C-alpha atoms as a PDB file:
ATOM      1  CA  MET A   1     160.273 -57.772 102.877  1.00  0.00           C
ATOM      2  CA  LYS A   2     162.923 -55.209 104.035  1.00  0.00           C
ATOM      3  CA  ILE A   3     159.998 -53.028 105.705  1.00  0.00           C
ATOM      4  CA  ARG A   4     159.181 -56.239 107.695  1.00  0.00           C
ATOM      5  CA  TYR A   5     162.798 -56.856 108.882  1.00  0.00           C
ATOM      6  CA  ILE A   6     162.694 -53.058 109.860  1.00  0.00           C
ATOM      7  CA  LEU A   7     159.494 -53.551 111.934  1.00  0.00           C
ATOM      8  CA  PHE A   8     160.900 -56.731 113.521  1.00  0.00           C
ATOM      9  CA  TYR A   9     163.947 -54.915 114.579  1.00  0.00           C
ATOM     10  CA  PHE A  10     162.208 -51.976 116.130  1.00  0.00           C
ATOM     11  CA  LEU A  11     159.958 -54.350 118.006  1.00  0.00           C
ATOM     12  CA  ILE A  12     162.545 -56.738 119.255  1.00  0.00           C
ATOM     13  CA  PHE A  13     165.591 -54.507 119.829  1.00  0.00           C
ATOM     14  CA  PRO A  14     163.996 -52.652 122.782  1.00  0.00           C
ATOM     15  CA  LEU A  15     162.535 -55.878 124.326  1.00  0.00           C
ATOM     16  CA  LEU A  16     166.178 -57.330 124.120  1.00  0.00           C
ATOM     17  CA  ILE A  17     167.458 -54.274 125.967  1.00  0.00           C
ATOM     18  CA  PHE A  18     164.905 -54.177 128.646  1.00  0.00           C
ATOM     19  CA  SER A  19     165.377 -58.040 129.263  1.00  0.00           C
ATOM     20  CA  GLN A  20     169.277 -57.587 129.610  1.00  0.00           C
ATOM     21  CA  LYS A  21     168.515 -54.915 132.433  1.00  0.00           C
ATOM     22  CA  ASP A  22     166.159 -57.172 134.149  1.00  0.00           C
ATOM     23  CA  SER A  23     168.859 -59.727 133.929  1.00  0.00           C
ATOM     24  CA  LEU A  24     171.498 -57.730 135.785  1.00  0.00           C
ATOM     25  CA  SER A  25     172.362 -58.472 139.530  1.00  0.00           C
ATOM     26  CA  LEU A  26     173.350 -56.153 142.032  1.00  0.00           C
ATOM     27  CA  GLY A  27     177.174 -55.303 141.707  1.00  0.00           C
ATOM     28  CA  ASP A  28     177.020 -56.060 137.886  1.00  0.00           C
ATOM     29  CA  LYS A  29     178.774 -53.377 135.861  1.00  0.00           C
ATOM     30  CA  TYR A  30     176.475 -51.350 133.720  1.00  0.00           C
ATOM     31  CA  ALA A  31     176.256 -48.203 131.591  1.00  0.00           C
ATOM     32  CA  GLU A  32     173.963 -45.301 131.528  1.00  0.00           C
ATOM     33  CA  ASP A  33     174.004 -44.647 127.794  1.00  0.00           C
ATOM     34  CA  GLN A  34     171.352 -41.839 127.492  1.00  0.00           C
ATOM     35  CA  ILE A  35     169.752 -39.495 124.972  1.00  0.00           C
ATOM     36  CA  TYR A  36     169.581 -35.754 126.470  1.00  0.00           C
ATOM     37  CA  LEU A  37     167.324 -32.865 126.121  1.00  0.00           C
ATOM     38  CA  SER A  38     167.790 -29.612 127.530  1.00  0.00           C
ATOM     39  CA  VAL A  39     166.058 -26.067 127.656  1.00  0.00           C
ATOM     40  CA  SER A  40     167.902 -23.138 129.169  1.00  0.00           C
ATOM     41  CA  TYR A  41     167.302 -19.452 129.881  1.00  0.00           C
ATOM     42  CA  SER A  42     170.558 -17.702 128.276  1.00  0.00           C
ATOM     43  CA  GLN A  43     172.311 -14.574 128.876  1.00  0.00           C
ATOM     44  CA  PHE A  44     175.457 -12.691 127.076  1.00  0.00           C
ATOM     45  CA  ASN A  45     178.166 -12.434 130.007  1.00  0.00           C
ATOM     46  CA  GLU A  46     181.073 -10.198 130.184  1.00  0.00           C
ATOM     47  CA  GLN A  47     179.604  -7.514 127.724  1.00  0.00           C
ATOM     48  CA  PRO A  48     181.264  -4.206 126.762  1.00  0.00           C
ATOM     49  CA  SER A  49     180.625  -1.556 129.181  1.00  0.00           C
ATOM     50  CA  THR A  50     178.303   0.414 126.732  1.00  0.00           C
ATOM     51  CA  ILE A  51     176.095  -2.793 125.994  1.00  0.00           C
ATOM     52  CA  THR A  52     173.361  -3.692 128.685  1.00  0.00           C
ATOM     53  CA  LYS A  53     172.535  -7.378 129.385  1.00  0.00           C
ATOM     54  CA  SER A  54     170.656  -9.231 127.004  1.00  0.00           C
ATOM     55  CA  ASN A  55     166.980  -9.654 127.157  1.00  0.00           C
ATOM     56  CA  PHE A  56     164.827 -12.869 127.444  1.00  0.00           C
ATOM     57  CA  SER A  57     166.978 -15.579 125.388  1.00  0.00           C
ATOM     58  CA  TYR A  58     167.062 -19.186 125.350  1.00  0.00           C
ATOM     59  CA  SER A  59     168.771 -22.198 124.358  1.00  0.00           C
ATOM     60  CA  LEU A  60     167.801 -25.826 123.205  1.00  0.00           C
ATOM     61  CA  SER A  61     169.999 -28.956 123.243  1.00  0.00           C
ATOM     62  CA  THR A  62     169.718 -32.511 122.305  1.00  0.00           C
ATOM     63  CA  GLY A  63     171.995 -35.398 121.602  1.00  0.00           C
ATOM     64  CA  PHE A  64     173.292 -38.974 122.802  1.00  0.00           C
ATOM     65  CA  ILE A  65     175.991 -39.568 125.320  1.00  0.00           C
ATOM     66  CA  LYS A  66     177.913 -42.713 125.791  1.00  0.00           C
ATOM     67  CA  ASP A  67     179.015 -43.841 129.338  1.00  0.00           C
ATOM     68  CA  PHE A  68     182.347 -45.631 130.008  1.00  0.00           C
ATOM     69  CA  ILE A  69     182.237 -47.119 133.707  1.00  0.00           C
ATOM     70  CA  LEU A  70     185.186 -46.526 135.849  1.00  0.00           C
ATOM     71  CA  ASN A  71     184.356 -48.655 138.992  1.00  0.00           C
ATOM     72  CA  LYS A  72     182.862 -52.045 139.421  1.00  0.00           C
ATOM     73  CA  THR A  73     179.245 -50.606 141.000  1.00  0.00           C
ATOM     74  CA  GLY A  74     178.800 -48.222 137.817  1.00  0.00           C
ATOM     75  CA  THR A  75     178.571 -45.192 140.337  1.00  0.00           C
ATOM     76  CA  ILE A  76     181.540 -43.539 138.519  1.00  0.00           C
ATOM     77  CA  SER A  77     181.959 -43.092 134.999  1.00  0.00           C
ATOM     78  CA  LEU A  78     183.335 -41.058 131.990  1.00  0.00           C
ATOM     79  CA  ALA A  79     181.045 -40.089 129.245  1.00  0.00           C
ATOM     80  CA  ALA A  80     181.386 -38.511 125.752  1.00  0.00           C
ATOM     81  CA  GLY A  81     178.508 -37.497 123.350  1.00  0.00           C
ATOM     82  CA  VAL A  82     177.494 -35.652 120.234  1.00  0.00           C
ATOM     83  CA  GLY A  83     174.396 -33.470 119.947  1.00  0.00           C
ATOM     84  CA  TYR A  84     172.892 -30.337 118.401  1.00  0.00           C
ATOM     85  CA  GLY A  85     172.228 -26.934 119.979  1.00  0.00           C
ATOM     86  CA  TYR A  86     170.237 -23.928 119.137  1.00  0.00           C
ATOM     87  CA  ASP A  87     170.669 -20.583 120.582  1.00  0.00           C
ATOM     88  CA  PHE A  88     168.312 -17.493 120.332  1.00  0.00           C
ATOM     89  CA  PHE A  89     169.518 -14.188 121.961  1.00  0.00           C
ATOM     90  CA  ASN A  90     167.545 -10.931 122.017  1.00  0.00           C
ATOM     91  CA  HIS A  91     170.342  -8.736 122.712  1.00  0.00           C
ATOM     92  CA  GLU A  92     171.413  -4.905 122.707  1.00  0.00           C
ATOM     93  CA  LEU A  93     175.139  -5.370 120.677  1.00  0.00           C
ATOM     94  CA  LYS A  94     174.662  -4.040 117.252  1.00  0.00           C
ATOM     95  CA  VAL A  95     176.376  -6.108 114.648  1.00  0.00           C
ATOM     96  CA  ASP A  96     177.040  -5.135 111.198  1.00  0.00           C
ATOM     97  CA  GLU A  97     179.153  -6.457 108.426  1.00  0.00           C
ATOM     98  CA  LEU A  98     180.838  -4.383 105.723  1.00  0.00           C
ATOM     99  CA  ASN A  99     183.363  -5.822 103.000  1.00  0.00           C
ATOM    100  CA  ASN A 100     183.950  -8.825 105.265  1.00  0.00           C
ATOM    101  CA  THR A 101     184.603  -6.718 108.092  1.00  0.00           C
ATOM    102  CA  THR A 102     182.569  -6.949 111.402  1.00  0.00           C
ATOM    103  CA  ILE A 103     181.618  -3.705 113.035  1.00  0.00           C
ATOM    104  CA  PHE A 104     180.084  -3.619 116.729  1.00  0.00           C
ATOM    105  CA  SER A 105     178.152  -0.592 118.101  1.00  0.00           C
ATOM    106  CA  SER A 106     175.721   0.524 120.578  1.00  0.00           C
ATOM    107  CA  ASP A 107     172.288   2.185 119.122  1.00  0.00           C
ATOM    108  CA  ASN A 108     169.415   2.342 121.176  1.00  0.00           C
ATOM    109  CA  SER A 109     167.271   3.182 118.302  1.00  0.00           C
ATOM    110  CA  ILE A 110     167.265  -0.169 116.661  1.00  0.00           C
ATOM    111  CA  SER A 111     164.685  -2.886 117.628  1.00  0.00           C
ATOM    112  CA  GLU A 112     164.434  -6.915 117.213  1.00  0.00           C
ATOM    113  CA  ASN A 113     167.982  -7.185 117.554  1.00  0.00           C
ATOM    114  CA  VAL A 114     168.502 -10.816 117.744  1.00  0.00           C
ATOM    115  CA  PHE A 115     171.361 -13.572 117.125  1.00  0.00           C
ATOM    116  CA  LYS A 116     170.485 -17.413 116.101  1.00  0.00           C
ATOM    117  CA  ALA A 117     173.185 -20.023 115.894  1.00  0.00           C
ATOM    118  CA  HIS A 118     173.193 -23.502 115.081  1.00  0.00           C
ATOM    119  CA  ASN A 119     175.920 -25.726 116.628  1.00  0.00           C
ATOM    120  CA  LEU A 120     177.163 -29.300 116.729  1.00  0.00           C
ATOM    121  CA  GLU A 121     177.888 -30.184 120.285  1.00  0.00           C
ATOM    122  CA  PHE A 122     180.493 -32.392 121.754  1.00  0.00           C
ATOM    123  CA  PRO A 123     179.848 -33.040 125.820  1.00  0.00           C
ATOM    124  CA  LEU A 124     182.393 -34.669 127.979  1.00  0.00           C
ATOM    125  CA  GLU A 125     181.597 -35.633 131.464  1.00  0.00           C
ATOM    126  CA  ILE A 126     182.907 -37.021 134.799  1.00  0.00           C
ATOM    127  CA  ARG A 127     179.532 -38.779 136.243  1.00  0.00           C
ATOM    128  CA  TRP A 128     178.794 -39.707 139.850  1.00  0.00           C
ATOM    129  CA  ARG A 129     175.338 -41.231 140.802  1.00  0.00           C
ATOM    130  CA  THR A 130     173.672 -43.449 143.372  1.00  0.00           C
ATOM    131  CA  SER A 131     171.978 -46.022 140.927  1.00  0.00           C
ATOM    132  CA  THR A 132     172.531 -49.784 140.949  1.00  0.00           C
ATOM    133  CA  ALA A 133     171.664 -52.274 138.240  1.00  0.00           C
ATOM    134  CA  LYS A 134     168.257 -52.432 139.497  1.00  0.00           C
ATOM    135  CA  LYS A 135     167.763 -48.921 140.548  1.00  0.00           C
ATOM    136  CA  TYR A 136     166.655 -46.722 137.579  1.00  0.00           C
ATOM    137  CA  ASN A 137     165.620 -43.670 139.762  1.00  0.00           C
ATOM    138  CA  PHE A 138     168.533 -42.123 141.638  1.00  0.00           C
ATOM    139  CA  TRP A 139     170.559 -38.903 142.269  1.00  0.00           C
ATOM    140  CA  ARG A 140     173.448 -37.775 139.916  1.00  0.00           C
ATOM    141  CA  VAL A 141     176.046 -35.075 139.543  1.00  0.00           C
ATOM    142  CA  TYR A 142     177.795 -34.722 135.939  1.00  0.00           C
ATOM    143  CA  THR A 143     180.502 -32.283 135.406  1.00  0.00           C
ATOM    144  CA  GLY A 144     182.621 -31.553 132.580  1.00  0.00           C
ATOM    145  CA  LEU A 145     183.411 -29.515 129.644  1.00  0.00           C
ATOM    146  CA  LYS A 146     181.106 -28.991 126.263  1.00  0.00           C
ATOM    147  CA  PHE A 147     182.741 -28.347 123.030  1.00  0.00           C
ATOM    148  CA  MET A 148     180.711 -26.442 120.288  1.00  0.00           C
ATOM    149  CA  TYR A 149     181.298 -26.140 116.551  1.00  0.00           C
ATOM    150  CA  ASN A 150     179.097 -23.541 114.952  1.00  0.00           C
ATOM    151  CA  LEU A 151     177.107 -24.436 111.853  1.00  0.00           C
ATOM    152  CA  SER A 152     175.706 -21.388 111.174  1.00  0.00           C
ATOM    153  CA  ASN A 153     175.116 -17.949 112.710  1.00  0.00           C
ATOM    154  CA  LYS A 154     172.611 -15.086 111.918  1.00  0.00           C
ATOM    155  CA  PHE A 155     172.439 -11.455 113.259  1.00  0.00           C
ATOM    156  CA  GLN A 156     169.735  -9.272 112.408  1.00  0.00           C
ATOM    157  CA  TYR A 157     167.866  -6.161 113.499  1.00  0.00           C
ATOM    158  CA  LEU A 158     165.158  -3.284 112.611  1.00  0.00           C
ATOM    159  CA  ASP A 159     166.516   0.366 112.202  1.00  0.00           C
ATOM    160  CA  THR A 160     163.932   3.185 112.912  1.00  0.00           C
ATOM    161  CA  ASN A 161     162.256   3.002 109.527  1.00  0.00           C
ATOM    162  CA  SER A 162     161.542  -0.724 110.249  1.00  0.00           C
ATOM    163  CA  ASN A 163     164.254  -1.616 107.586  1.00  0.00           C
ATOM    164  CA  GLN A 164     165.537  -5.083 108.356  1.00  0.00           C
ATOM    165  CA  PHE A 165     169.413  -5.943 108.261  1.00  0.00           C
ATOM    166  CA  LYS A 166     170.548  -9.480 108.214  1.00  0.00           C
ATOM    167  CA  TYR A 167     174.054 -10.912 108.435  1.00  0.00           C
ATOM    168  CA  SER A 168     174.863 -14.549 108.221  1.00  0.00           C
ATOM    169  CA  ASN A 169     177.978 -16.479 109.270  1.00  0.00           C
ATOM    170  CA  ILE A 170     180.160 -13.390 110.190  1.00  0.00           C
ATOM    171  CA  ASP A 171     183.954 -13.518 109.774  1.00  0.00           C
ATOM    172  CA  ALA A 172     184.331 -12.467 113.360  1.00  0.00           C
ATOM    173  CA  TYR A 173     182.205 -15.210 115.023  1.00  0.00           C
ATOM    174  CA  ASN A 174     184.279 -17.675 116.739  1.00  0.00           C
ATOM    175  CA  LYS A 175     183.160 -21.021 115.255  1.00  0.00           C
ATOM    176  CA  LEU A 176     184.801 -23.328 117.884  1.00  0.00           C
ATOM    177  CA  GLN A 177     183.936 -22.672 121.496  1.00  0.00           C
ATOM    178  CA  TYR A 178     183.881 -24.692 124.866  1.00  0.00           C
ATOM    179  CA  GLY A 179     182.720 -24.229 128.359  1.00  0.00           C
ATOM    180  CA  LEU A 180     182.125 -25.777 131.881  1.00  0.00           C
ATOM    181  CA  THR A 181     179.087 -27.812 132.466  1.00  0.00           C
ATOM    182  CA  ILE A 182     177.172 -29.436 135.505  1.00  0.00           C
ATOM    183  CA  SER A 183     174.104 -31.121 135.864  1.00  0.00           C
ATOM    184  CA  ALA A 184     172.549 -32.278 139.176  1.00  0.00           C
ATOM    185  CA  GLY A 185     169.289 -33.819 140.128  1.00  0.00           C
ATOM    186  CA  TYR A 186     167.153 -36.818 140.689  1.00  0.00           C
ATOM    187  CA  ASP A 187     165.890 -39.212 138.060  1.00  0.00           C
ATOM    188  CA  LYS A 188     164.829 -37.410 134.821  1.00  0.00           C
ATOM    189  CA  PHE A 189     164.475 -33.791 136.636  1.00  0.00           C
ATOM    190  CA  ASN A 190     167.942 -32.212 136.689  1.00  0.00           C
ATOM    191  CA  ILE A 191     169.168 -28.616 136.844  1.00  0.00           C
ATOM    192  CA  ASN A 192     171.819 -27.850 134.189  1.00  0.00           C
ATOM    193  CA  PHE A 193     174.233 -25.082 134.059  1.00  0.00           C
ATOM    194  CA  PHE A 194     176.751 -23.873 131.267  1.00  0.00           C
ATOM    195  CA  TYR A 195     179.616 -21.114 131.579  1.00  0.00           C
ATOM    196  CA  GLY A 196     181.349 -20.310 128.477  1.00  0.00           C
ATOM    197  CA  LEU A 197     185.251 -19.778 128.462  1.00  0.00           C
ATOM    198  CA  THR A 198     185.657 -18.588 125.035  1.00  0.00           C
ATOM    199  CA  PRO A 199     184.347 -15.370 123.618  1.00  0.00           C
ATOM    200  CA  ILE A 200     181.852 -15.761 120.923  1.00  0.00           C
ATOM    201  CA  PHE A 201     183.818 -13.302 118.870  1.00  0.00           C
ATOM    202  CA  LYS A 202     187.552 -13.253 117.591  1.00  0.00           C
ATOM    203  CA  ASN A 203     189.882 -10.105 118.086  1.00  0.00           C
ATOM    204  CA  SER A 204     186.714  -7.610 118.176  1.00  0.00           C
ATOM    205  CA  THR A 205     186.529  -4.259 119.916  1.00  0.00           C
ATOM    206  CA  ILE A 206     183.741  -1.656 120.122  1.00  0.00           C
ATOM    207  CA  ASN A 207     185.164   2.197 120.738  1.00  0.00           C
ATOM    208  CA  GLY A 208     188.555   0.748 121.461  1.00  0.00           C
ATOM    209  CA  GLU A 209     187.249  -1.745 124.056  1.00  0.00           C
ATOM    210  CA  PRO A 210     187.561  -5.738 123.752  1.00  0.00           C
ATOM    211  CA  VAL A 211     184.329  -7.461 122.922  1.00  0.00           C
ATOM    212  CA  ASN A 212     184.817 -10.468 125.221  1.00  0.00           C
ATOM    213  CA  THR A 213     181.197 -11.568 125.240  1.00  0.00           C
ATOM    214  CA  LYS A 214     180.520 -15.106 126.535  1.00  0.00           C
ATOM    215  CA  ILE A 215     177.652 -17.098 127.070  1.00  0.00           C
ATOM    216  CA  LEU A 216     175.688 -18.141 130.087  1.00  0.00           C
ATOM    217  CA  LYS A 217     172.853 -20.845 130.183  1.00  0.00           C
ATOM    218  CA  PHE A 218     170.751 -22.075 133.082  1.00  0.00           C
ATOM    219  CA  GLY A 219     168.004 -24.390 132.766  1.00  0.00           C
ATOM    220  CA  LEU A 220     166.691 -27.971 133.075  1.00  0.00           C
ATOM    221  CA  ILE A 221     168.106 -31.198 131.231  1.00  0.00           C
ATOM    222  CA  PHE A 222     166.529 -34.644 130.946  1.00  0.00           C
ATOM    223  CA  TYR A 223     168.155 -38.045 130.408  1.00  0.00           C
ATOM    224  CA  PHE A 224     166.135 -40.864 128.566  1.00  0.00           C
ATOM    225  CA  LEU A 225     167.557 -44.466 128.737  1.00  0.00           C
END
């Protein structure tokens, strides 16, 4: 019996949503509550002088964002959401941890030096768009901040003898980070940019030089109503 109710809900609920959209008239207030999915090319930014740029790296992100209309036509709004993000970096900074102390160095002899992170994401946006109650394909510019709380992080590499070293949830990692975001495009095809404002490591140095490494992301983001 419960299964029947569940099936009924999933069959009827989408019809109610679409019928509500179809009943809207021009000038009606409406919201663009959305599921988002992004794929980005990522780089470490502001690396120490002894470290080269990271190699091919990527980030994935998905979540739900709620729209709060600011004007009658619905073209300007605030939005807040929650989501999940995954980062994979192929980089040159060697990270070790000994007795809960994180050690940073530069070592050209190591290989497969990667960093992985799983994060909770909390985007906040100011939104402008050319949509109407009857127009679902439109131009948009969304800008704001994204806060990230790290759920887990892992650094690993291979030495010259192919011995693998792994360090999970290191103490020096900055669990709470944030950065600027901007998305712009038409319909579901949009360019997305993230500029990290906080270093990914706390109070860290390499050969006396501060490690102020931040994250840059550039890619595509898709919105689904």
